PDB file of N, CA and C in Angstrom:
ATOM      1  N   MET A   1       0.846  -1.169   0.000  1.00  0.00           N
ATOM      2  CA  MET A   1       0.000   0.000   0.000  1.00  0.00           C
ATOM      3  C   MET A   1       0.897   1.240   0.000  1.00  0.00           C
ATOM      4  N   THR A   2       0.572   2.205  -0.830  1.00  0.00           N
ATOM      5  CA  THR A   2       1.361   3.432  -0.872  1.00  0.00           C
ATOM      6  C   THR A   2       0.857   4.418   0.176  1.00  0.00           C
ATOM      7  N   TYR A   3       1.698   5.387   0.480  1.00  0.00           N
ATOM      8  CA  TYR A   3       1.311   6.413   1.441  1.00  0.00           C
ATOM      9  C   TYR A   3       0.108   7.206   0.929  1.00  0.00           C
ATOM     10  N   LEU A   4       0.036   7.431  -0.370  1.00  0.00           N
ATOM     11  CA  LEU A   4      -1.068   8.191  -0.945  1.00  0.00           C
ATOM     12  C   LEU A   4      -2.407   7.485  -0.724  1.00  0.00           C
ATOM     13  N   ILE A   5      -2.449   6.185  -0.915  1.00  0.00           N
ATOM     14  CA  ILE A   5      -3.689   5.432  -0.689  1.00  0.00           C
ATOM     15  C   ILE A   5      -4.046   5.450   0.801  1.00  0.00           C
ATOM     16  N   LEU A   6      -3.076   5.204   1.653  1.00  0.00           N
ATOM     17  CA  LEU A   6      -3.317   5.226   3.093  1.00  0.00           C
ATOM     18  C   LEU A   6      -3.831   6.596   3.538  1.00  0.00           C
ATOM     19  N   ASN A   7      -3.189   7.657   3.067  1.00  0.00           N
ATOM     20  CA  ASN A   7      -3.613   9.008   3.425  1.00  0.00           C
ATOM     21  C   ASN A   7      -5.003   9.326   2.892  1.00  0.00           C
ATOM     22  N   SER A   8      -5.304   8.857   1.696  1.00  0.00           N
ATOM     23  CA  SER A   8      -6.616   9.121   1.105  1.00  0.00           C
ATOM     24  C   SER A   8      -7.738   8.493   1.932  1.00  0.00           C
ATOM     25  N   VAL A   9      -7.523   7.271   2.363  1.00  0.00           N
ATOM     26  CA  VAL A   9      -8.526   6.594   3.196  1.00  0.00           C
ATOM     27  C   VAL A   9      -8.698   7.342   4.518  1.00  0.00           C
ATOM     28  N   PHE A  10      -7.590   7.711   5.137  1.00  0.00           N
ATOM     29  CA  PHE A  10      -7.639   8.412   6.416  1.00  0.00           C
ATOM     30  C   PHE A  10      -8.310   9.783   6.271  1.00  0.00           C
ATOM     31  N   LEU A  11      -7.896  10.558   5.274  1.00  0.00           N
ATOM     32  CA  LEU A  11      -8.468  11.895   5.080  1.00  0.00           C
ATOM     33  C   LEU A  11      -9.946  11.827   4.710  1.00  0.00           C
ATOM     34  N   ALA A  12     -10.319  10.860   3.903  1.00  0.00           N
ATOM     35  CA  ALA A  12     -11.731  10.708   3.535  1.00  0.00           C
ATOM     36  C   ALA A  12     -12.573  10.377   4.762  1.00  0.00           C
ATOM     37  N   SER A  13     -12.061   9.524   5.634  1.00  0.00           N
ATOM     38  CA  SER A  13     -12.790   9.162   6.857  1.00  0.00           C
ATOM     39  C   SER A  13     -12.979  10.371   7.766  1.00  0.00           C
ATOM     40  N   VAL A  14     -11.914  11.122   7.980  1.00  0.00           N
ATOM     41  CA  VAL A  14     -11.995  12.312   8.827  1.00  0.00           C
ATOM     42  C   VAL A  14     -12.922  13.341   8.184  1.00  0.00           C
ATOM     43  N   GLY A  15     -12.803  13.523   6.868  1.00  0.00           N
ATOM     44  CA  GLY A  15     -13.656  14.473   6.155  1.00  0.00           C
ATOM     45  C   GLY A  15     -15.125  14.112   6.235  1.00  0.00           C
ATOM     46  N   LEU A  16     -15.429  12.834   6.143  1.00  0.00           N
ATOM     47  CA  LEU A  16     -16.818  12.387   6.228  1.00  0.00           C
ATOM     48  C   LEU A  16     -17.417  12.698   7.598  1.00  0.00           C
ATOM     49  N   VAL A  17     -16.671  12.424   8.646  1.00  0.00           N
ATOM     50  CA  VAL A  17     -17.161  12.740   9.985  1.00  0.00           C
ATOM     51  C   VAL A  17     -17.300  14.256  10.142  1.00  0.00           C
ATOM     52  N   GLY A  18     -16.359  15.006   9.572  1.00  0.00           N
ATOM     53  CA  GLY A  18     -16.450  16.463   9.606  1.00  0.00           C
ATOM     54  C   GLY A  18     -17.709  16.968   8.921  1.00  0.00           C
ATOM     55  N   LEU A  19     -18.066  16.350   7.819  1.00  0.00           N
ATOM     56  CA  LEU A  19     -19.302  16.738   7.125  1.00  0.00           C
ATOM     57  C   LEU A  19     -20.539  16.413   7.938  1.00  0.00           C
ATOM     58  N   LEU A  20     -20.495  15.312   8.658  1.00  0.00           N
ATOM     59  CA  LEU A  20     -21.627  14.956   9.506  1.00  0.00           C
ATOM     60  C   LEU A  20     -21.822  15.961  10.648  1.00  0.00           C
ATOM     61  N   LEU A  21     -20.732  16.586  11.063  1.00  0.00           N
ATOM     62  CA  LEU A  21     -20.777  17.546  12.171  1.00  0.00           C
ATOM     63  C   LEU A  21     -20.608  18.987  11.683  1.00  0.00           C
ATOM     64  N   ILE A  22     -20.920  19.232  10.430  1.00  0.00           N
ATOM     65  CA  ILE A  22     -20.592  20.508   9.786  1.00  0.00           C
ATOM     66  C   ILE A  22     -21.096  21.731  10.553  1.00  0.00           C
ATOM     67  N   LYS A  23     -22.251  21.652  11.141  1.00  0.00           N
ATOM     68  CA  LYS A  23     -22.821  22.811  11.843  1.00  0.00           C
ATOM     69  C   LYS A  23     -22.284  22.972  13.267  1.00  0.00           C
ATOM     70  N   ARG A  24     -21.625  21.958  13.782  1.00  0.00           N
ATOM     71  CA  ARG A  24     -21.177  21.985  15.177  1.00  0.00           C
ATOM     72  C   ARG A  24     -19.693  22.294  15.341  1.00  0.00           C
ATOM     73  N   LEU A  25     -18.959  22.411  14.243  1.00  0.00           N
ATOM     74  CA  LEU A  25     -17.511  22.594  14.335  1.00  0.00           C
ATOM     75  C   LEU A  25     -17.105  24.047  14.071  1.00  0.00           C
ATOM     76  N   PRO A  26     -16.016  24.501  14.701  1.00  0.00           N
ATOM     77  CA  PRO A  26     -15.516  25.872  14.512  1.00  0.00           C
ATOM     78  C   PRO A  26     -14.643  25.971  13.252  1.00  0.00           C
ATOM     79  N   TRP A  27     -15.260  26.100  12.112  1.00  0.00           N
ATOM     80  CA  TRP A  27     -14.558  25.999  10.835  1.00  0.00           C
ATOM     81  C   TRP A  27     -13.490  27.066  10.623  1.00  0.00           C
ATOM     82  N   ARG A  28     -13.725  28.275  11.109  1.00  0.00           N
ATOM     83  CA  ARG A  28     -12.704  29.314  10.954  1.00  0.00           C
ATOM     84  C   ARG A  28     -11.436  28.937  11.720  1.00  0.00           C
ATOM     85  N   ALA A  29     -11.599  28.489  12.943  1.00  0.00           N
ATOM     86  CA  ALA A  29     -10.451  28.065  13.757  1.00  0.00           C
ATOM     87  C   ALA A  29      -9.754  26.864  13.124  1.00  0.00           C
ATOM     88  N   ILE A  30     -10.536  25.940  12.606  1.00  0.00           N
ATOM     89  CA  ILE A  30      -9.947  24.772  11.935  1.00  0.00           C
ATOM     90  C   ILE A  30      -9.126  25.216  10.729  1.00  0.00           C
ATOM     91  N   GLY A  31      -9.665  26.137   9.957  1.00  0.00           N
ATOM     92  CA  GLY A  31      -8.947  26.641   8.778  1.00  0.00           C
ATOM     93  C   GLY A  31      -7.649  27.342   9.140  1.00  0.00           C
ATOM     94  N   LEU A  32      -7.688  28.199  10.152  1.00  0.00           N
ATOM     95  CA  LEU A  32      -6.475  28.907  10.571  1.00  0.00           C
ATOM     96  C   LEU A  32      -5.428  27.943  11.128  1.00  0.00           C
ATOM     97  N   ALA A  33      -5.871  27.003  11.924  1.00  0.00           N
ATOM     98  CA  ALA A  33      -4.935  26.014  12.477  1.00  0.00           C
ATOM     99  C   ALA A  33      -4.331  25.156  11.364  1.00  0.00           C
ATOM    100  N   THR A  34      -5.145  24.808  10.374  1.00  0.00           N
ATOM    101  CA  THR A  34      -4.653  24.010   9.250  1.00  0.00           C
ATOM    102  C   THR A  34      -3.590  24.773   8.470  1.00  0.00           C
ATOM    103  N   LEU A  35      -3.832  26.047   8.202  1.00  0.00           N
ATOM    104  CA  LEU A  35      -2.840  26.859   7.477  1.00  0.00           C
ATOM    105  C   LEU A  35      -1.526  26.955   8.253  1.00  0.00           C
ATOM    106  N   ALA A  36      -1.625  27.192   9.551  1.00  0.00           N
ATOM    107  CA  ALA A  36      -0.417  27.273  10.369  1.00  0.00           C
ATOM    108  C   ALA A  36       0.336  25.949  10.379  1.00  0.00           C
ATOM    109  N   LEU A  37      -0.397  24.853  10.525  1.00  0.00           N
ATOM    110  CA  LEU A  37       0.237  23.533  10.564  1.00  0.00           C
ATOM    111  C   LEU A  37       0.854  23.151   9.219  1.00  0.00           C
ATOM    112  N   LEU A  38       0.203  23.530   8.126  1.00  0.00           N
ATOM    113  CA  LEU A  38       0.775  23.270   6.797  1.00  0.00           C
ATOM    114  C   LEU A  38       2.082  24.042   6.602  1.00  0.00           C
ATOM    115  N   ALA A  39       2.109  25.292   7.054  1.00  0.00           N
ATOM    116  CA  ALA A  39       3.331  26.091   6.933  1.00  0.00           C
ATOM    117  C   ALA A  39       4.467  25.487   7.749  1.00  0.00           C
ATOM    118  N   MET A  40       4.170  25.077   8.988  1.00  0.00           N
ATOM    119  CA  MET A  40       5.206  24.471   9.824  1.00  0.00           C
ATOM    120  C   MET A  40       5.657  23.124   9.260  1.00  0.00           C
ATOM    121  N   THR A  41       4.719  22.365   8.718  1.00  0.00           N
ATOM    122  CA  THR A  41       5.072  21.076   8.112  1.00  0.00           C
ATOM    123  C   THR A  41       5.988  21.289   6.914  1.00  0.00           C
ATOM    124  N   ALA A  42       5.659  22.264   6.082  1.00  0.00           N
ATOM    125  CA  ALA A  42       6.500  22.552   4.914  1.00  0.00           C
ATOM    126  C   ALA A  42       7.917  22.910   5.347  1.00  0.00           C
ATOM    127  N   LEU A  43       8.046  23.734   6.358  1.00  0.00           N
ATOM    128  CA  LEU A  43       9.362  24.148   6.824  1.00  0.00           C
ATOM    129  C   LEU A  43      10.141  22.982   7.425  1.00  0.00           C
ATOM    130  N   PHE A  44       9.570  22.338   8.416  1.00  0.00           N
ATOM    131  CA  PHE A  44      10.322  21.329   9.154  1.00  0.00           C
ATOM    132  C   PHE A  44      10.488  20.019   8.390  1.00  0.00           C
ATOM    133  N   ASP A  45       9.504  19.614   7.592  1.00  0.00           N
ATOM    134  CA  ASP A  45       9.679  18.398   6.794  1.00  0.00           C
ATOM    135  C   ASP A  45      10.776  18.586   5.754  1.00  0.00           C
ATOM    136  N   ASN A  46      10.851  19.775   5.179  1.00  0.00           N
ATOM    137  CA  ASN A  46      11.926  20.033   4.232  1.00  0.00           C
ATOM    138  C   ASN A  46      13.282  19.976   4.916  1.00  0.00           C
ATOM    139  N   LEU A  47      13.362  20.453   6.135  1.00  0.00           N
ATOM    140  CA  LEU A  47      14.625  20.376   6.875  1.00  0.00           C
ATOM    141  C   LEU A  47      15.021  18.936   7.165  1.00  0.00           C
ATOM    142  N   ILE A  48      14.089  18.132   7.671  1.00  0.00           N
ATOM    143  CA  ILE A  48      14.474  16.775   8.060  1.00  0.00           C
ATOM    144  C   ILE A  48      14.675  15.861   6.849  1.00  0.00           C
ATOM    145  N   VAL A  49      13.921  16.072   5.778  1.00  0.00           N
ATOM    146  CA  VAL A  49      14.124  15.250   4.584  1.00  0.00           C
ATOM    147  C   VAL A  49      15.357  15.743   3.823  1.00  0.00           C
ATOM    148  N   GLY A  50      15.509  17.056   3.714  1.00  0.00           N
ATOM    149  CA  GLY A  50      16.646  17.625   2.988  1.00  0.00           C
ATOM    150  C   GLY A  50      17.982  17.311   3.618  1.00  0.00           C
ATOM    151  N   THR A  51      18.022  17.197   4.940  1.00  0.00           N
ATOM    152  CA  THR A  51      19.282  16.877   5.623  1.00  0.00           C
ATOM    153  C   THR A  51      19.533  15.373   5.714  1.00  0.00           C
ATOM    154  N   GLY A  52      18.544  14.569   5.319  1.00  0.00           N
ATOM    155  CA  GLY A  52      18.729  13.126   5.322  1.00  0.00           C
ATOM    156  C   GLY A  52      18.350  12.440   6.624  1.00  0.00           C
ATOM    157  N   ILE A  53      17.781  13.176   7.564  1.00  0.00           N
ATOM    158  CA  ILE A  53      17.360  12.557   8.820  1.00  0.00           C
ATOM    159  C   ILE A  53      16.260  11.535   8.554  1.00  0.00           C
ATOM    160  N   VAL A  54      15.366  11.871   7.622  1.00  0.00           N
ATOM    161  CA  VAL A  54      14.273  10.979   7.227  1.00  0.00           C
ATOM    162  C   VAL A  54      14.366  10.759   5.725  1.00  0.00           C
ATOM    163  N   ALA A  55      14.150   9.525   5.295  1.00  0.00           N
ATOM    164  CA  ALA A  55      14.135   9.207   3.873  1.00  0.00           C
ATOM    165  C   ALA A  55      12.911   8.344   3.571  1.00  0.00           C
ATOM    166  N   TYR A  56      12.439   8.422   2.352  1.00  0.00           N
ATOM    167  CA  TYR A  56      11.247   7.683   1.947  1.00  0.00           C
ATOM    168  C   TYR A  56      11.582   6.732   0.811  1.00  0.00           C
ATOM    169  N   ASP A  57      10.933   5.581   0.812  1.00  0.00           N
ATOM    170  CA  ASP A  57      11.048   4.639  -0.286  1.00  0.00           C
ATOM    171  C   ASP A  57      10.321   5.252  -1.485  1.00  0.00           C
ATOM    172  N   GLU A  58      11.038   5.543  -2.535  1.00  0.00           N
ATOM    173  CA  GLU A  58      10.469   6.208  -3.710  1.00  0.00           C
ATOM    174  C   GLU A  58       9.320   5.411  -4.323  1.00  0.00           C
ATOM    175  N   ALA A  59       9.290   4.107  -4.117  1.00  0.00           N
ATOM    176  CA  ALA A  59       8.214   3.278  -4.666  1.00  0.00           C
ATOM    177  C   ALA A  59       6.896   3.479  -3.912  1.00  0.00           C
ATOM    178  N   LEU A  60       6.964   4.035  -2.710  1.00  0.00           N
ATOM    179  CA  LEU A  60       5.761   4.195  -1.895  1.00  0.00           C
ATOM    180  C   LEU A  60       5.204   5.616  -1.888  1.00  0.00           C
ATOM    181  N   ILE A  61       5.898   6.557  -2.515  1.00  0.00           N
ATOM    182  CA  ILE A  61       5.390   7.931  -2.579  1.00  0.00           C
ATOM    183  C   ILE A  61       4.981   8.260  -4.002  1.00  0.00           C
ATOM    184  N   SER A  62       4.155   9.300  -4.133  1.00  0.00           N
ATOM    185  CA  SER A  62       3.628   9.670  -5.454  1.00  0.00           C
ATOM    186  C   SER A  62       4.676  10.329  -6.336  1.00  0.00           C
ATOM    187  N   GLY A  63       5.696  10.897  -5.739  1.00  0.00           N
ATOM    188  CA  GLY A  63       6.703  11.623  -6.501  1.00  0.00           C
ATOM    189  C   GLY A  63       6.457  13.127  -6.504  1.00  0.00           C
ATOM    190  N   ILE A  64       5.272  13.538  -6.070  1.00  0.00           N
ATOM    191  CA  ILE A  64       4.962  14.962  -5.962  1.00  0.00           C
ATOM    192  C   ILE A  64       5.581  15.470  -4.670  1.00  0.00           C
ATOM    193  N   LYS A  65       6.372  16.536  -4.775  1.00  0.00           N
ATOM    194  CA  LYS A  65       7.060  17.053  -3.593  1.00  0.00           C
ATOM    195  C   LYS A  65       6.897  18.560  -3.500  1.00  0.00           C
ATOM    196  N   ILE A  66       6.930  19.036  -2.287  1.00  0.00           N
ATOM    197  CA  ILE A  66       7.024  20.465  -2.010  1.00  0.00           C
ATOM    198  C   ILE A  66       8.409  20.640  -1.415  1.00  0.00           C
ATOM    199  N   GLY A  67       9.310  21.137  -2.229  1.00  0.00           N
ATOM    200  CA  GLY A  67      10.713  21.161  -1.842  1.00  0.00           C
ATOM    201  C   GLY A  67      11.219  19.728  -1.825  1.00  0.00           C
ATOM    202  N   PHE A  68      11.707  19.288  -0.676  1.00  0.00           N
ATOM    203  CA  PHE A  68      12.173  17.912  -0.519  1.00  0.00           C
ATOM    204  C   PHE A  68      11.098  16.986   0.040  1.00  0.00           C
ATOM    205  N   ALA A  69      10.059  17.574   0.625  1.00  0.00           N
ATOM    206  CA  ALA A  69       9.048  16.794   1.341  1.00  0.00           C
ATOM    207  C   ALA A  69       7.990  16.236   0.396  1.00  0.00           C
ATOM    208  N   PRO A  70       7.737  14.935   0.452  1.00  0.00           N
ATOM    209  CA  PRO A  70       6.673  14.360  -0.369  1.00  0.00           C
ATOM    210  C   PRO A  70       5.308  14.880   0.071  1.00  0.00           C
ATOM    211  N   ILE A  71       4.423  15.031  -0.874  1.00  0.00           N
ATOM    212  CA  ILE A  71       3.093  15.583  -0.604  1.00  0.00           C
ATOM    213  C   ILE A  71       2.350  14.760   0.453  1.00  0.00           C
ATOM    214  N   GLU A  72       2.661  13.490   0.537  1.00  0.00           N
ATOM    215  CA  GLU A  72       2.003  12.624   1.516  1.00  0.00           C
ATOM    216  C   GLU A  72       2.280  13.060   2.958  1.00  0.00           C
ATOM    217  N   ASP A  73       3.382  13.748   3.194  1.00  0.00           N
ATOM    218  CA  ASP A  73       3.710  14.228   4.538  1.00  0.00           C
ATOM    219  C   ASP A  73       2.708  15.262   5.050  1.00  0.00           C
ATOM    220  N   PHE A  74       1.966  15.862   4.161  1.00  0.00           N
ATOM    221  CA  PHE A  74       1.064  16.940   4.558  1.00  0.00           C
ATOM    222  C   PHE A  74      -0.315  16.448   4.990  1.00  0.00           C
ATOM    223  N   ALA A  75      -0.570  15.156   4.893  1.00  0.00           N
ATOM    224  CA  ALA A  75      -1.883  14.613   5.275  1.00  0.00           C
ATOM    225  C   ALA A  75      -2.176  14.853   6.750  1.00  0.00           C
ATOM    226  N   TYR A  76      -1.189  14.662   7.595  1.00  0.00           N
ATOM    227  CA  TYR A  76      -1.402  14.879   9.028  1.00  0.00           C
ATOM    228  C   TYR A  76      -1.766  16.335   9.299  1.00  0.00           C
ATOM    229  N   ALA A  77      -1.078  17.256   8.622  1.00  0.00           N
ATOM    230  CA  ALA A  77      -1.353  18.682   8.820  1.00  0.00           C
ATOM    231  C   ALA A  77      -2.768  19.039   8.371  1.00  0.00           C
ATOM    232  N   LEU A  78      -3.282  18.341   7.388  1.00  0.00           N
ATOM    233  CA  LEU A  78      -4.653  18.576   6.939  1.00  0.00           C
ATOM    234  C   LEU A  78      -5.675  17.971   7.898  1.00  0.00           C
ATOM    235  N   ALA A  79      -5.371  16.807   8.407  1.00  0.00           N
ATOM    236  CA  ALA A  79      -6.346  16.074   9.216  1.00  0.00           C
ATOM    237  C   ALA A  79      -6.360  16.472  10.691  1.00  0.00           C
ATOM    238  N   ALA A  80      -5.218  16.823  11.261  1.00  0.00           N
ATOM    239  CA  ALA A  80      -5.120  17.022  12.706  1.00  0.00           C
ATOM    240  C   ALA A  80      -6.069  18.090  13.263  1.00  0.00           C
ATOM    241  N   PRO A  81      -6.128  19.292  12.700  1.00  0.00           N
ATOM    242  CA  PRO A  81      -7.046  20.280  13.285  1.00  0.00           C
ATOM    243  C   PRO A  81      -8.513  19.843  13.222  1.00  0.00           C
ATOM    244  N   LEU A  82      -8.909  19.244  12.117  1.00  0.00           N
ATOM    245  CA  LEU A  82     -10.282  18.770  11.986  1.00  0.00           C
ATOM    246  C   LEU A  82     -10.544  17.615  12.946  1.00  0.00           C
ATOM    247  N   LEU A  83      -9.631  16.662  13.003  1.00  0.00           N
ATOM    248  CA  LEU A  83      -9.808  15.510  13.887  1.00  0.00           C
ATOM    249  C   LEU A  83      -9.851  15.941  15.354  1.00  0.00           C
ATOM    250  N   LEU A  84      -8.991  16.859  15.753  1.00  0.00           N
ATOM    251  CA  LEU A  84      -8.998  17.347  17.124  1.00  0.00           C
ATOM    252  C   LEU A  84     -10.317  18.053  17.448  1.00  0.00           C
ATOM    253  N   SER A  85     -10.837  18.840  16.500  1.00  0.00           N
ATOM    254  CA  SER A  85     -12.119  19.518  16.710  1.00  0.00           C
ATOM    255  C   SER A  85     -13.269  18.525  16.810  1.00  0.00           C
ATOM    256  N   ILE A  86     -13.210  17.470  16.003  1.00  0.00           N
ATOM    257  CA  ILE A  86     -14.242  16.434  16.055  1.00  0.00           C
ATOM    258  C   ILE A  86     -14.230  15.745  17.418  1.00  0.00           C
ATOM    259  N   VAL A  87     -13.047  15.367  17.878  1.00  0.00           N
ATOM    260  CA  VAL A  87     -12.933  14.705  19.173  1.00  0.00           C
ATOM    261  C   VAL A  87     -13.424  15.632  20.295  1.00  0.00           C
ATOM    262  N   ALA A  88     -13.038  16.898  20.240  1.00  0.00           N
ATOM    263  CA  ALA A  88     -13.487  17.853  21.257  1.00  0.00           C
ATOM    264  C   ALA A  88     -15.004  17.998  21.249  1.00  0.00           C
ATOM    265  N   GLU A  89     -15.589  18.071  20.071  1.00  0.00           N
ATOM    266  CA  GLU A  89     -17.042  18.215  19.961  1.00  0.00           C
ATOM    267  C   GLU A  89     -17.774  16.977  20.476  1.00  0.00           C
ATOM    268  N   LEU A  90     -17.277  15.812  20.131  1.00  0.00           N
ATOM    269  CA  LEU A  90     -17.944  14.581  20.525  1.00  0.00           C
ATOM    270  C   LEU A  90     -17.755  14.218  21.992  1.00  0.00           C
ATOM    271  N   THR A  91     -16.748  14.766  22.635  1.00  0.00           N
ATOM    272  CA  THR A  91     -16.493  14.417  24.035  1.00  0.00           C
ATOM    273  C   THR A  91     -16.876  15.518  25.008  1.00  0.00           C
ATOM    274  N   LYS A  92     -17.370  16.658  24.521  1.00  0.00           N
ATOM    275  CA  LYS A  92     -17.719  17.716  25.465  1.00  0.00           C
ATOM    276  C   LYS A  92     -19.008  17.371  26.207  1.00  0.00           C
ATOM    277  N   ARG A  93     -19.058  17.854  27.415  1.00  0.00           N
ATOM    278  CA  ARG A  93     -20.218  17.585  28.271  1.00  0.00           C
ATOM    279  C   ARG A  93     -21.351  18.540  27.927  1.00  0.00           C
ATOM    280  N   PRO A  94     -22.556  18.058  27.972  1.00  0.00           N
ATOM    281  CA  PRO A  94     -23.694  18.961  27.738  1.00  0.00           C
ATOM    282  C   PRO A  94     -23.807  19.986  28.864  1.00  0.00           C
ATOM    283  N   LYS A  95     -24.291  21.157  28.521  1.00  0.00           N
ATOM    284  CA  LYS A  95     -24.412  22.233  29.518  1.00  0.00           C
ATOM    285  C   LYS A  95     -25.677  22.081  30.320  1.00  0.00           C
TER     286      LYS A  95
END
């Protein structure tokens, strides 16, 4: 299984739950957090991949890169703010 397929399944699952909770989630905050996390991911993933600290099997990545970082590295940055908001919404106590 490639990272792209794994990420697609994960992102689709998180996105589907996000759509189910569309009216209950703080979308502006999710968007801002996602942008910040994408920027930090671009910076730090390029540093760790560019310096050789982390390497990827070329057969398992799509070949699309932002700098040195494969596009698949950005899935976590896309999913984390939404997933955290979903968990917070589903676990909060009723008032």
